[in-house]
Amino acid sequence: MSERRRTVPTELAALALGVEKATIRKWASQGKLTRYGTPGRAEYDLDELMAIARRRSPPE
């Protein structure tokens, strides 16, 4: 069985990364983030968001 993608709407994606919703939309339009969902409702993959968060966080 294939793993089901876990997605969240733009607002939660922005909250998870600590950025504005406009930044999430810009990253998607630039190809830095994959947009899923329907034309009226964007969704973003949680695993992809967490990978971005890890890259953005400073090393400890």
PDB file of N, CA and C in Angstrom:
ATOM      1  N   MET A   1       0.836  -1.188   0.000  1.00  0.00           N
ATOM      2  CA  MET A   1       0.000   0.000   0.000  1.00  0.00           C
ATOM      3  C   MET A   1       0.880   1.250   0.000  1.00  0.00           C
ATOM      4  N   SER A   2       0.546   2.247  -0.809  1.00  0.00           N
ATOM      5  CA  SER A   2       1.339   3.472  -0.853  1.00  0.00           C
ATOM      6  C   SER A   2       0.991   4.372   0.336  1.00  0.00           C
ATOM      7  N   GLU A   3       1.992   5.139   0.743  1.00  0.00           N
ATOM      8  CA  GLU A   3       1.800   6.054   1.869  1.00  0.00           C
ATOM      9  C   GLU A   3       0.990   7.257   1.414  1.00  0.00           C
ATOM     10  N   ARG A   4       0.015   7.633   2.208  1.00  0.00           N
ATOM     11  CA  ARG A   4      -0.828   8.777   1.875  1.00  0.00           C
ATOM     12  C   ARG A   4      -0.110  10.064   2.272  1.00  0.00           C
ATOM     13  N   ARG A   5      -0.122  11.044   1.386  1.00  0.00           N
ATOM     14  CA  ARG A   5       0.511  12.339   1.643  1.00  0.00           C
ATOM     15  C   ARG A   5      -0.285  13.085   2.709  1.00  0.00           C
ATOM     16  N   ARG A   6       0.408  13.639   3.687  1.00  0.00           N
ATOM     17  CA  ARG A   6      -0.233  14.461   4.723  1.00  0.00           C
ATOM     18  C   ARG A   6      -0.004  15.926   4.349  1.00  0.00           C
ATOM     19  N   THR A   7      -1.089  16.645   4.128  1.00  0.00           N
ATOM     20  CA  THR A   7      -0.973  18.036   3.702  1.00  0.00           C
ATOM     21  C   THR A   7      -1.696  18.971   4.666  1.00  0.00           C
ATOM     22  N   VAL A   8      -1.295  20.227   4.603  1.00  0.00           N
ATOM     23  CA  VAL A   8      -1.923  21.279   5.411  1.00  0.00           C
ATOM     24  C   VAL A   8      -2.172  22.487   4.516  1.00  0.00           C
ATOM     25  N   PRO A   9      -3.154  23.316   4.871  1.00  0.00           N
ATOM     26  CA  PRO A   9      -3.416  24.527   4.077  1.00  0.00           C
ATOM     27  C   PRO A   9      -2.313  25.573   4.259  1.00  0.00           C
ATOM     28  N   THR A  10      -2.348  26.573   3.415  1.00  0.00           N
ATOM     29  CA  THR A  10      -1.327  27.625   3.396  1.00  0.00           C
ATOM     30  C   THR A  10      -1.114  28.246   4.773  1.00  0.00           C
ATOM     31  N   GLU A  11      -2.180  28.548   5.474  1.00  0.00           N
ATOM     32  CA  GLU A  11      -2.064  29.204   6.781  1.00  0.00           C
ATOM     33  C   GLU A  11      -1.250  28.366   7.762  1.00  0.00           C
ATOM     34  N   LEU A  12      -1.507  27.065   7.812  1.00  0.00           N
ATOM     35  CA  LEU A  12      -0.763  26.198   8.728  1.00  0.00           C
ATOM     36  C   LEU A  12       0.673  25.980   8.267  1.00  0.00           C
ATOM     37  N   ALA A  13       0.883  25.939   6.955  1.00  0.00           N
ATOM     38  CA  ALA A  13       2.244  25.813   6.428  1.00  0.00           C
ATOM     39  C   ALA A  13       3.074  27.029   6.845  1.00  0.00           C
ATOM     40  N   ALA A  14       2.484  28.209   6.730  1.00  0.00           N
ATOM     41  CA  ALA A  14       3.182  29.435   7.119  1.00  0.00           C
ATOM     42  C   ALA A  14       3.467  29.441   8.614  1.00  0.00           C
ATOM     43  N   LEU A  15       2.512  29.030   9.403  1.00  0.00           N
ATOM     44  CA  LEU A  15       2.688  28.978  10.852  1.00  0.00           C
ATOM     45  C   LEU A  15       3.805  28.001  11.223  1.00  0.00           C
ATOM     46  N   ALA A  16       3.824  26.849  10.575  1.00  0.00           N
ATOM     47  CA  ALA A  16       4.835  25.827  10.872  1.00  0.00           C
ATOM     48  C   ALA A  16       6.249  26.323  10.587  1.00  0.00           C
ATOM     49  N   LEU A  17       6.404  27.165   9.555  1.00  0.00           N
ATOM     50  CA  LEU A  17       7.729  27.653   9.177  1.00  0.00           C
ATOM     51  C   LEU A  17       8.043  29.035   9.728  1.00  0.00           C
ATOM     52  N   GLY A  18       7.064  29.665  10.358  1.00  0.00           N
ATOM     53  CA  GLY A  18       7.294  30.989  10.931  1.00  0.00           C
ATOM     54  C   GLY A  18       7.454  32.065   9.874  1.00  0.00           C
ATOM     55  N   VAL A  19       6.713  31.926   8.771  1.00  0.00           N
ATOM     56  CA  VAL A  19       6.763  32.914   7.683  1.00  0.00           C
ATOM     57  C   VAL A  19       5.343  33.366   7.361  1.00  0.00           C
ATOM     58  N   GLU A  20       5.229  34.362   6.509  1.00  0.00           N
ATOM     59  CA  GLU A  20       3.919  34.853   6.067  1.00  0.00           C
ATOM     60  C   GLU A  20       3.324  33.907   5.025  1.00  0.00           C
ATOM     61  N   LYS A  21       1.997  33.915   4.911  1.00  0.00           N
ATOM     62  CA  LYS A  21       1.326  33.113   3.886  1.00  0.00           C
ATOM     63  C   LYS A  21       1.828  33.484   2.498  1.00  0.00           C
ATOM     64  N   ALA A  22       2.110  34.758   2.277  1.00  0.00           N
ATOM     65  CA  ALA A  22       2.613  35.207   0.974  1.00  0.00           C
ATOM     66  C   ALA A  22       3.954  34.547   0.641  1.00  0.00           C
ATOM     67  N   THR A  23       4.763  34.299   1.650  1.00  0.00           N
ATOM     68  CA  THR A  23       6.054  33.637   1.433  1.00  0.00           C
ATOM     69  C   THR A  23       5.849  32.203   0.971  1.00  0.00           C
ATOM     70  N   ILE A  24       4.894  31.510   1.571  1.00  0.00           N
ATOM     71  CA  ILE A  24       4.589  30.134   1.160  1.00  0.00           C
ATOM     72  C   ILE A  24       4.134  30.138  -0.300  1.00  0.00           C
ATOM     73  N   ARG A  25       3.249  31.050  -0.642  1.00  0.00           N
ATOM     74  CA  ARG A  25       2.758  31.134  -2.024  1.00  0.00           C
ATOM     75  C   ARG A  25       3.899  31.468  -2.995  1.00  0.00           C
ATOM     76  N   LYS A  26       4.796  32.383  -2.595  1.00  0.00           N
ATOM     77  CA  LYS A  26       5.929  32.756  -3.443  1.00  0.00           C
ATOM     78  C   LYS A  26       6.861  31.563  -3.652  1.00  0.00           C
ATOM     79  N   TRP A  27       7.176  30.838  -2.571  1.00  0.00           N
ATOM     80  CA  TRP A  27       8.044  29.663  -2.693  1.00  0.00           C
ATOM     81  C   TRP A  27       7.426  28.627  -3.623  1.00  0.00           C
ATOM     82  N   ALA A  28       6.110  28.458  -3.548  1.00  0.00           N
ATOM     83  CA  ALA A  28       5.433  27.500  -4.429  1.00  0.00           C
ATOM     84  C   ALA A  28       5.533  27.960  -5.884  1.00  0.00           C
ATOM     85  N   SER A  29       5.339  29.247  -6.138  1.00  0.00           N
ATOM     86  CA  SER A  29       5.408  29.739  -7.516  1.00  0.00           C
ATOM     87  C   SER A  29       6.833  29.669  -8.066  1.00  0.00           C
ATOM     88  N   GLN A  30       7.828  29.730  -7.184  1.00  0.00           N
ATOM     89  CA  GLN A  30       9.232  29.644  -7.598  1.00  0.00           C
ATOM     90  C   GLN A  30       9.719  28.193  -7.686  1.00  0.00           C
ATOM     91  N   GLY A  31       8.875  27.247  -7.292  1.00  0.00           N
ATOM     92  CA  GLY A  31       9.266  25.848  -7.351  1.00  0.00           C
ATOM     93  C   GLY A  31      10.063  25.363  -6.152  1.00  0.00           C
ATOM     94  N   LYS A  32      10.164  26.179  -5.113  1.00  0.00           N
ATOM     95  CA  LYS A  32      10.893  25.790  -3.905  1.00  0.00           C
ATOM     96  C   LYS A  32      10.044  24.908  -2.997  1.00  0.00           C
ATOM     97  N   LEU A  33       8.742  24.883  -3.231  1.00  0.00           N
ATOM     98  CA  LEU A  33       7.778  24.146  -2.433  1.00  0.00           C
ATOM     99  C   LEU A  33       6.696  23.630  -3.369  1.00  0.00           C
ATOM    100  N   THR A  34       6.290  22.383  -3.191  1.00  0.00           N
ATOM    101  CA  THR A  34       5.286  21.787  -4.068  1.00  0.00           C
ATOM    102  C   THR A  34       3.892  22.118  -3.578  1.00  0.00           C
ATOM    103  N   ARG A  35       3.058  22.613  -4.480  1.00  0.00           N
ATOM    104  CA  ARG A  35       1.672  22.948  -4.147  1.00  0.00           C
ATOM    105  C   ARG A  35       0.768  21.801  -4.568  1.00  0.00           C
ATOM    106  N   TYR A  36      -0.078  21.380  -3.660  1.00  0.00           N
ATOM    107  CA  TYR A  36      -1.080  20.360  -3.931  1.00  0.00           C
ATOM    108  C   TYR A  36      -2.445  21.000  -3.714  1.00  0.00           C
ATOM    109  N   GLY A  37      -3.509  20.236  -3.854  1.00  0.00           N
ATOM    110  CA  GLY A  37      -4.848  20.746  -3.605  1.00  0.00           C
ATOM    111  C   GLY A  37      -5.559  21.117  -4.890  1.00  0.00           C
ATOM    112  N   THR A  38      -6.559  21.947  -4.741  1.00  0.00           N
ATOM    113  CA  THR A  38      -7.387  22.377  -5.861  1.00  0.00           C
ATOM    114  C   THR A  38      -7.086  23.838  -6.175  1.00  0.00           C
ATOM    115  N   PRO A  39      -7.581  24.363  -7.299  1.00  0.00           N
ATOM    116  CA  PRO A  39      -7.310  25.770  -7.625  1.00  0.00           C
ATOM    117  C   PRO A  39      -7.707  26.754  -6.516  1.00  0.00           C
ATOM    118  N   GLY A  40      -8.750  26.471  -5.789  1.00  0.00           N
ATOM    119  CA  GLY A  40      -9.186  27.385  -4.737  1.00  0.00           C
ATOM    120  C   GLY A  40      -8.658  27.069  -3.351  1.00  0.00           C
ATOM    121  N   ARG A  41      -7.932  25.969  -3.229  1.00  0.00           N
ATOM    122  CA  ARG A  41      -7.458  25.556  -1.901  1.00  0.00           C
ATOM    123  C   ARG A  41      -6.095  24.892  -2.014  1.00  0.00           C
ATOM    124  N   ALA A  42      -5.055  25.654  -1.727  1.00  0.00           N
ATOM    125  CA  ALA A  42      -3.690  25.135  -1.782  1.00  0.00           C
ATOM    126  C   ALA A  42      -3.405  24.298  -0.545  1.00  0.00           C
ATOM    127  N   GLU A  43      -2.644  23.247  -0.739  1.00  0.00           N
ATOM    128  CA  GLU A  43      -2.203  22.375   0.347  1.00  0.00           C
ATOM    129  C   GLU A  43      -0.718  22.103   0.151  1.00  0.00           C
ATOM    130  N   TYR A  44      -0.006  21.887   1.255  1.00  0.00           N
ATOM    131  CA  TYR A  44       1.430  21.650   1.213  1.00  0.00           C
ATOM    132  C   TYR A  44       1.761  20.432   2.058  1.00  0.00           C
ATOM    133  N   ASP A  45       2.717  19.639   1.570  1.00  0.00           N
ATOM    134  CA  ASP A  45       3.098  18.384   2.199  1.00  0.00           C
ATOM    135  C   ASP A  45       3.870  18.635   3.502  1.00  0.00           C
ATOM    136  N   LEU A  46       3.434  17.995   4.581  1.00  0.00           N
ATOM    137  CA  LEU A  46       4.074  18.184   5.883  1.00  0.00           C
ATOM    138  C   LEU A  46       5.529  17.738   5.889  1.00  0.00           C
ATOM    139  N   ASP A  47       5.838  16.628   5.239  1.00  0.00           N
ATOM    140  CA  ASP A  47       7.224  16.160   5.211  1.00  0.00           C
ATOM    141  C   ASP A  47       8.127  17.159   4.489  1.00  0.00           C
ATOM    142  N   GLU A  48       7.629  17.725   3.402  1.00  0.00           N
ATOM    143  CA  GLU A  48       8.405  18.731   2.673  1.00  0.00           C
ATOM    144  C   GLU A  48       8.597  19.987   3.529  1.00  0.00           C
ATOM    145  N   LEU A  49       7.561  20.395   4.239  1.00  0.00           N
ATOM    146  CA  LEU A  49       7.663  21.555   5.128  1.00  0.00           C
ATOM    147  C   LEU A  49       8.675  21.319   6.246  1.00  0.00           C
ATOM    148  N   MET A  50       8.673  20.122   6.816  1.00  0.00           N
ATOM    149  CA  MET A  50       9.608  19.818   7.901  1.00  0.00           C
ATOM    150  C   MET A  50      11.046  19.784   7.383  1.00  0.00           C
ATOM    151  N   ALA A  51      11.251  19.320   6.159  1.00  0.00           N
ATOM    152  CA  ALA A  51      12.592  19.331   5.567  1.00  0.00           C
ATOM    153  C   ALA A  51      13.074  20.768   5.388  1.00  0.00           C
ATOM    154  N   ILE A  52      12.183  21.649   4.952  1.00  0.00           N
ATOM    155  CA  ILE A  52      12.536  23.066   4.796  1.00  0.00           C
ATOM    156  C   ILE A  52      12.860  23.668   6.158  1.00  0.00           C
ATOM    157  N   ALA A  53      12.065  23.345   7.164  1.00  0.00           N
ATOM    158  CA  ALA A  53      12.299  23.869   8.517  1.00  0.00           C
ATOM    159  C   ALA A  53      13.669  23.436   9.036  1.00  0.00           C
ATOM    160  N   ARG A  54      14.050  22.183   8.786  1.00  0.00           N
ATOM    161  CA  ARG A  54      15.363  21.694   9.237  1.00  0.00           C
ATOM    162  C   ARG A  54      16.489  22.458   8.540  1.00  0.00           C
ATOM    163  N   ARG A  55      16.334  22.732   7.253  1.00  0.00           N
ATOM    164  CA  ARG A  55      17.364  23.470   6.526  1.00  0.00           C
ATOM    165  C   ARG A  55      17.469  24.920   7.003  1.00  0.00           C
ATOM    166  N   ARG A  56      16.353  25.486   7.432  1.00  0.00           N
ATOM    167  CA  ARG A  56      16.324  26.888   7.863  1.00  0.00           C
ATOM    168  C   ARG A  56      16.825  27.087   9.285  1.00  0.00           C
ATOM    169  N   SER A  57      16.753  26.051  10.112  1.00  0.00           N
ATOM    170  CA  SER A  57      17.125  26.224  11.519  1.00  0.00           C
ATOM    171  C   SER A  57      18.643  26.227  11.670  1.00  0.00           C
ATOM    172  N   PRO A  58      19.160  27.092  12.548  1.00  0.00           N
ATOM    173  CA  PRO A  58      20.612  27.165  12.745  1.00  0.00           C
ATOM    174  C   PRO A  58      21.118  25.897  13.448  1.00  0.00           C
ATOM    175  N   PRO A  59      22.347  25.473  13.139  1.00  0.00           N
ATOM    176  CA  PRO A  59      22.903  24.293  13.813  1.00  0.00           C
ATOM    177  C   PRO A  59      23.085  24.563  15.295  1.00  0.00           C
ATOM    178  N   GLU A  60      22.940  23.530  16.071  1.00  0.00           N
ATOM    179  CA  GLU A  60      23.076  23.690  17.542  1.00  0.00           C
ATOM    180  C   GLU A  60      24.505  23.516  17.971  1.00  0.00           C
TER     181      GLU A  60
END
